[in-house]
């Protein structure tokens, strides 16, 4: 099973979020996801995917 996101903008957003969180750990994931949605012009459905894709495995929704 492949969990890679479809769509180039979504892939770029995931990479951007991980890079930003690594360079500035004080930024929260919610803020980064919000920024990524604006930066990459993502739809609400894509934003929901990001919430699931970048959440740490031990964190509950």
PDB file of N, CA and C in Angstrom:
ATOM      1  N   UNK A   1       0.842  -1.184   0.000  1.00  0.00           N
ATOM      2  CA  UNK A   1       0.000   0.000   0.000  1.00  0.00           C
ATOM      3  C   UNK A   1       0.878   1.234   0.000  1.00  0.00           C
ATOM      4  N   UNK A   2       0.575   2.171  -0.838  1.00  0.00           N
ATOM      5  CA  UNK A   2       1.341   3.406  -0.959  1.00  0.00           C
ATOM      6  C   UNK A   2       0.575   4.528  -0.271  1.00  0.00           C
ATOM      7  N   UNK A   3       1.224   5.224   0.662  1.00  0.00           N
ATOM      8  CA  UNK A   3       0.554   6.313   1.355  1.00  0.00           C
ATOM      9  C   UNK A   3       0.993   7.677   0.835  1.00  0.00           C
ATOM     10  N   UNK A   4       1.660   7.681  -0.309  1.00  0.00           N
ATOM     11  CA  UNK A   4       2.104   8.936  -0.903  1.00  0.00           C
ATOM     12  C   UNK A   4       0.898   9.751  -1.348  1.00  0.00           C
ATOM     13  N   UNK A   5       0.922  11.051  -1.074  1.00  0.00           N
ATOM     14  CA  UNK A   5      -0.197  11.876  -1.512  1.00  0.00           C
ATOM     15  C   UNK A   5      -0.206  12.043  -3.017  1.00  0.00           C
ATOM     16  N   UNK A   6      -1.395  12.136  -3.568  1.00  0.00           N
ATOM     17  CA  UNK A   6      -1.523  12.409  -4.995  1.00  0.00           C
ATOM     18  C   UNK A   6      -1.474  13.908  -5.203  1.00  0.00           C
ATOM     19  N   UNK A   7      -0.883  14.328  -6.282  1.00  0.00           N
ATOM     20  CA  UNK A   7      -0.816  15.757  -6.583  1.00  0.00           C
ATOM     21  C   UNK A   7       0.506  16.350  -6.133  1.00  0.00           C
ATOM     22  N   UNK A   8       1.128  17.048  -7.034  1.00  0.00           N
ATOM     23  CA  UNK A   8       2.444  17.633  -6.777  1.00  0.00           C
ATOM     24  C   UNK A   8       2.412  18.657  -5.649  1.00  0.00           C
ATOM     25  N   UNK A   9       1.374  19.500  -5.613  1.00  0.00           N
ATOM     26  CA  UNK A   9       1.301  20.516  -4.561  1.00  0.00           C
ATOM     27  C   UNK A   9       1.193  19.885  -3.172  1.00  0.00           C
ATOM     28  N   UNK A  10       0.468  18.803  -3.071  1.00  0.00           N
ATOM     29  CA  UNK A  10       0.324  18.126  -1.786  1.00  0.00           C
ATOM     30  C   UNK A  10       1.653  17.507  -1.356  1.00  0.00           C
ATOM     31  N   UNK A  11       2.364  16.914  -2.290  1.00  0.00           N
ATOM     32  CA  UNK A  11       3.692  16.351  -1.975  1.00  0.00           C
ATOM     33  C   UNK A  11       4.640  17.460  -1.520  1.00  0.00           C
ATOM     34  N   UNK A  12       4.610  18.578  -2.222  1.00  0.00           N
ATOM     35  CA  UNK A  12       5.467  19.708  -1.842  1.00  0.00           C
ATOM     36  C   UNK A  12       5.101  20.222  -0.460  1.00  0.00           C
ATOM     37  N   UNK A  13       3.812  20.265  -0.159  1.00  0.00           N
ATOM     38  CA  UNK A  13       3.351  20.744   1.143  1.00  0.00           C
ATOM     39  C   UNK A  13       3.853  19.842   2.270  1.00  0.00           C
ATOM     40  N   UNK A  14       3.782  18.543   2.083  1.00  0.00           N
ATOM     41  CA  UNK A  14       4.264  17.608   3.106  1.00  0.00           C
ATOM     42  C   UNK A  14       5.755  17.815   3.335  1.00  0.00           C
ATOM     43  N   UNK A  15       6.521  17.904   2.264  1.00  0.00           N
ATOM     44  CA  UNK A  15       7.966  18.127   2.392  1.00  0.00           C
ATOM     45  C   UNK A  15       8.252  19.464   3.069  1.00  0.00           C
ATOM     46  N   UNK A  16       7.494  20.499   2.692  1.00  0.00           N
ATOM     47  CA  UNK A  16       7.694  21.821   3.266  1.00  0.00           C
ATOM     48  C   UNK A  16       7.390  21.811   4.765  1.00  0.00           C
ATOM     49  N   UNK A  17       6.319  21.159   5.163  1.00  0.00           N
ATOM     50  CA  UNK A  17       5.955  21.088   6.583  1.00  0.00           C
ATOM     51  C   UNK A  17       7.057  20.412   7.373  1.00  0.00           C
ATOM     52  N   UNK A  18       7.566  19.282   6.896  1.00  0.00           N
ATOM     53  CA  UNK A  18       8.629  18.575   7.631  1.00  0.00           C
ATOM     54  C   UNK A  18       9.901  19.418   7.690  1.00  0.00           C
ATOM     55  N   UNK A  19      10.232  20.111   6.610  1.00  0.00           N
ATOM     56  CA  UNK A  19      11.430  20.956   6.608  1.00  0.00           C
ATOM     57  C   UNK A  19      11.271  22.119   7.584  1.00  0.00           C
ATOM     58  N   UNK A  20      10.101  22.750   7.563  1.00  0.00           N
ATOM     59  CA  UNK A  20       9.852  23.876   8.467  1.00  0.00           C
ATOM     60  C   UNK A  20       9.848  23.434   9.927  1.00  0.00           C
ATOM     61  N   UNK A  21       9.251  22.282  10.212  1.00  0.00           N
ATOM     62  CA  UNK A  21       9.206  21.818  11.603  1.00  0.00           C
ATOM     63  C   UNK A  21      10.595  21.432  12.095  1.00  0.00           C
ATOM     64  N   UNK A  22      11.444  20.965  11.186  1.00  0.00           N
ATOM     65  CA  UNK A  22      12.816  20.624  11.574  1.00  0.00           C
ATOM     66  C   UNK A  22      13.645  21.884  11.815  1.00  0.00           C
ATOM     67  N   UNK A  23      13.417  22.913  11.016  1.00  0.00           N
ATOM     68  CA  UNK A  23      14.213  24.137  11.161  1.00  0.00           C
ATOM     69  C   UNK A  23      13.724  25.017  12.314  1.00  0.00           C
ATOM     70  N   UNK A  24      12.450  24.904  12.666  1.00  0.00           N
ATOM     71  CA  UNK A  24      11.902  25.695  13.775  1.00  0.00           C
ATOM     72  C   UNK A  24      10.904  24.845  14.562  1.00  0.00           C
ATOM     73  N   UNK A  25      11.408  24.033  15.494  1.00  0.00           N
ATOM     74  CA  UNK A  25      10.541  23.122  16.255  1.00  0.00           C
ATOM     75  C   UNK A  25       9.495  23.832  17.111  1.00  0.00           C
ATOM     76  N   UNK A  26       9.643  25.124  17.322  1.00  0.00           N
ATOM     77  CA  UNK A  26       8.669  25.844  18.146  1.00  0.00           C
ATOM     78  C   UNK A  26       7.342  26.073  17.412  1.00  0.00           C
ATOM     79  N   UNK A  27       7.353  25.949  16.082  1.00  0.00           N
ATOM     80  CA  UNK A  27       6.119  26.112  15.314  1.00  0.00           C
ATOM     81  C   UNK A  27       5.249  24.867  15.489  1.00  0.00           C
ATOM     82  N   UNK A  28       3.978  25.078  15.743  1.00  0.00           N
ATOM     83  CA  UNK A  28       3.049  23.965  15.876  1.00  0.00           C
ATOM     84  C   UNK A  28       2.635  23.416  14.528  1.00  0.00           C
ATOM     85  N   UNK A  29       2.269  22.145  14.502  1.00  0.00           N
ATOM     86  CA  UNK A  29       1.857  21.523  13.250  1.00  0.00           C
ATOM     87  C   UNK A  29       0.611  22.186  12.669  1.00  0.00           C
ATOM     88  N   UNK A  30      -0.313  22.585  13.524  1.00  0.00           N
ATOM     89  CA  UNK A  30      -1.530  23.238  13.025  1.00  0.00           C
ATOM     90  C   UNK A  30      -1.191  24.520  12.270  1.00  0.00           C
ATOM     91  N   UNK A  31      -0.266  25.295  12.820  1.00  0.00           N
ATOM     92  CA  UNK A  31       0.149  26.533  12.154  1.00  0.00           C
ATOM     93  C   UNK A  31       0.846  26.230  10.836  1.00  0.00           C
ATOM     94  N   UNK A  32       1.706  25.226  10.838  1.00  0.00           N
ATOM     95  CA  UNK A  32       2.423  24.865   9.618  1.00  0.00           C
ATOM     96  C   UNK A  32       1.464  24.361   8.542  1.00  0.00           C
ATOM     97  N   UNK A  33       0.480  23.586   8.946  1.00  0.00           N
ATOM     98  CA  UNK A  33      -0.497  23.083   7.982  1.00  0.00           C
ATOM     99  C   UNK A  33      -1.299  24.243   7.403  1.00  0.00           C
ATOM    100  N   UNK A  34      -1.693  25.170   8.244  1.00  0.00           N
ATOM    101  CA  UNK A  34      -2.428  26.348   7.779  1.00  0.00           C
ATOM    102  C   UNK A  34      -1.590  27.128   6.764  1.00  0.00           C
ATOM    103  N   UNK A  35      -0.314  27.342   7.097  1.00  0.00           N
ATOM    104  CA  UNK A  35       0.584  28.060   6.180  1.00  0.00           C
ATOM    105  C   UNK A  35       0.750  27.308   4.867  1.00  0.00           C
ATOM    106  N   UNK A  36       0.917  25.992   4.963  1.00  0.00           N
ATOM    107  CA  UNK A  36       1.110  25.177   3.757  1.00  0.00           C
ATOM    108  C   UNK A  36      -0.120  25.230   2.860  1.00  0.00           C
ATOM    109  N   UNK A  37      -1.305  25.229   3.453  1.00  0.00           N
ATOM    110  CA  UNK A  37      -2.539  25.295   2.664  1.00  0.00           C
ATOM    111  C   UNK A  37      -2.602  26.592   1.866  1.00  0.00           C
ATOM    112  N   UNK A  38      -2.177  27.678   2.490  1.00  0.00           N
ATOM    113  CA  UNK A  38      -2.160  28.958   1.783  1.00  0.00           C
ATOM    114  C   UNK A  38      -1.049  28.998   0.740  1.00  0.00           C
ATOM    115  N   UNK A  39       0.122  28.544   1.130  1.00  0.00           N
ATOM    116  CA  UNK A  39       1.302  28.593   0.254  1.00  0.00           C
ATOM    117  C   UNK A  39       1.104  27.746  -1.006  1.00  0.00           C
ATOM    118  N   UNK A  40       0.498  26.564  -0.846  1.00  0.00           N
ATOM    119  CA  UNK A  40       0.362  25.635  -1.967  1.00  0.00           C
ATOM    120  C   UNK A  40      -1.066  25.574  -2.517  1.00  0.00           C
ATOM    121  N   UNK A  41      -1.939  26.490  -2.052  1.00  0.00           N
ATOM    122  CA  UNK A  41      -3.310  26.598  -2.542  1.00  0.00           C
ATOM    123  C   UNK A  41      -4.026  25.241  -2.503  1.00  0.00           C
ATOM    124  N   UNK A  42      -4.082  24.659  -1.310  1.00  0.00           N
ATOM    125  CA  UNK A  42      -4.674  23.334  -1.152  1.00  0.00           C
ATOM    126  C   UNK A  42      -6.159  23.426  -0.819  1.00  0.00           C
ATOM    127  N   UNK A  43      -6.882  22.411  -1.210  1.00  0.00           N
ATOM    128  CA  UNK A  43      -8.314  22.340  -0.948  1.00  0.00           C
ATOM    129  C   UNK A  43      -8.548  21.890   0.499  1.00  0.00           C
ATOM    130  N   UNK A  44      -9.770  22.035   0.997  1.00  0.00           N
ATOM    131  CA  UNK A  44     -10.074  21.540   2.349  1.00  0.00           C
ATOM    132  C   UNK A  44      -9.817  20.037   2.495  1.00  0.00           C
ATOM    133  N   UNK A  45     -10.095  19.276   1.456  1.00  0.00           N
ATOM    134  CA  UNK A  45      -9.839  17.836   1.499  1.00  0.00           C
ATOM    135  C   UNK A  45      -8.342  17.551   1.613  1.00  0.00           C
ATOM    136  N   UNK A  46      -7.538  18.313   0.882  1.00  0.00           N
ATOM    137  CA  UNK A  46      -6.085  18.150   0.965  1.00  0.00           C
ATOM    138  C   UNK A  46      -5.574  18.577   2.338  1.00  0.00           C
ATOM    139  N   UNK A  47      -6.180  19.603   2.916  1.00  0.00           N
ATOM    140  CA  UNK A  47      -5.800  20.049   4.256  1.00  0.00           C
ATOM    141  C   UNK A  47      -6.081  18.941   5.270  1.00  0.00           C
ATOM    142  N   UNK A  48      -7.208  18.272   5.113  1.00  0.00           N
ATOM    143  CA  UNK A  48      -7.553  17.166   6.004  1.00  0.00           C
ATOM    144  C   UNK A  48      -6.528  16.037   5.866  1.00  0.00           C
ATOM    145  N   UNK A  49      -6.116  15.767   4.629  1.00  0.00           N
ATOM    146  CA  UNK A  49      -5.086  14.752   4.413  1.00  0.00           C
ATOM    147  C   UNK A  49      -3.807  15.129   5.155  1.00  0.00           C
ATOM    148  N   UNK A  50      -3.415  16.400   5.066  1.00  0.00           N
ATOM    149  CA  UNK A  50      -2.196  16.848   5.744  1.00  0.00           C
ATOM    150  C   UNK A  50      -2.291  16.626   7.246  1.00  0.00           C
ATOM    151  N   UNK A  51      -3.451  16.913   7.815  1.00  0.00           N
ATOM    152  CA  UNK A  51      -3.633  16.712   9.256  1.00  0.00           C
ATOM    153  C   UNK A  51      -3.340  15.262   9.644  1.00  0.00           C
ATOM    154  N   UNK A  52      -3.782  14.341   8.815  1.00  0.00           N
ATOM    155  CA  UNK A  52      -3.569  12.917   9.097  1.00  0.00           C
ATOM    156  C   UNK A  52      -2.146  12.483   8.754  1.00  0.00           C
ATOM    157  N   UNK A  53      -1.607  13.024   7.684  1.00  0.00           N
ATOM    158  CA  UNK A  53      -0.307  12.571   7.184  1.00  0.00           C
ATOM    159  C   UNK A  53       0.864  13.014   8.048  1.00  0.00           C
ATOM    160  N   UNK A  54       0.790  14.206   8.616  1.00  0.00           N
ATOM    161  CA  UNK A  54       1.959  14.726   9.347  1.00  0.00           C
ATOM    162  C   UNK A  54       1.824  14.603  10.854  1.00  0.00           C
ATOM    163  N   UNK A  55       0.686  14.129  11.341  1.00  0.00           N
ATOM    164  CA  UNK A  55       0.518  13.947  12.775  1.00  0.00           C
ATOM    165  C   UNK A  55       1.419  12.814  13.256  1.00  0.00           C
ATOM    166  N   UNK A  56       2.125  13.035  14.364  1.00  0.00           N
ATOM    167  CA  UNK A  56       2.957  11.956  14.910  1.00  0.00           C
ATOM    168  C   UNK A  56       2.097  10.723  15.196  1.00  0.00           C
ATOM    169  N   UNK A  57       2.630   9.526  15.002  1.00  0.00           N
ATOM    170  CA  UNK A  57       1.861   8.298  15.136  1.00  0.00           C
ATOM    171  C   UNK A  57       1.231   8.104  16.526  1.00  0.00           C
ATOM    172  N   UNK A  58       1.852   8.609  17.560  1.00  0.00           N
ATOM    173  CA  UNK A  58       1.324   8.396  18.916  1.00  0.00           C
ATOM    174  C   UNK A  58       0.336   9.467  19.335  1.00  0.00           C
ATOM    175  N   UNK A  59       0.101  10.471  18.498  1.00  0.00           N
ATOM    176  CA  UNK A  59      -0.818  11.562  18.830  1.00  0.00           C
ATOM    177  C   UNK A  59      -2.216  11.200  18.350  1.00  0.00           C
ATOM    178  N   UNK A  60      -3.193  11.410  19.213  1.00  0.00           N
ATOM    179  CA  UNK A  60      -4.580  11.112  18.854  1.00  0.00           C
ATOM    180  C   UNK A  60      -5.175  12.290  18.100  1.00  0.00           C
ATOM    181  N   UNK A  61      -6.144  12.008  17.208  1.00  0.00           N
ATOM    182  CA  UNK A  61      -6.783  13.076  16.425  1.00  0.00           C
ATOM    183  C   UNK A  61      -7.569  14.041  17.278  1.00  0.00           C
TER     184      UNK A  61
END
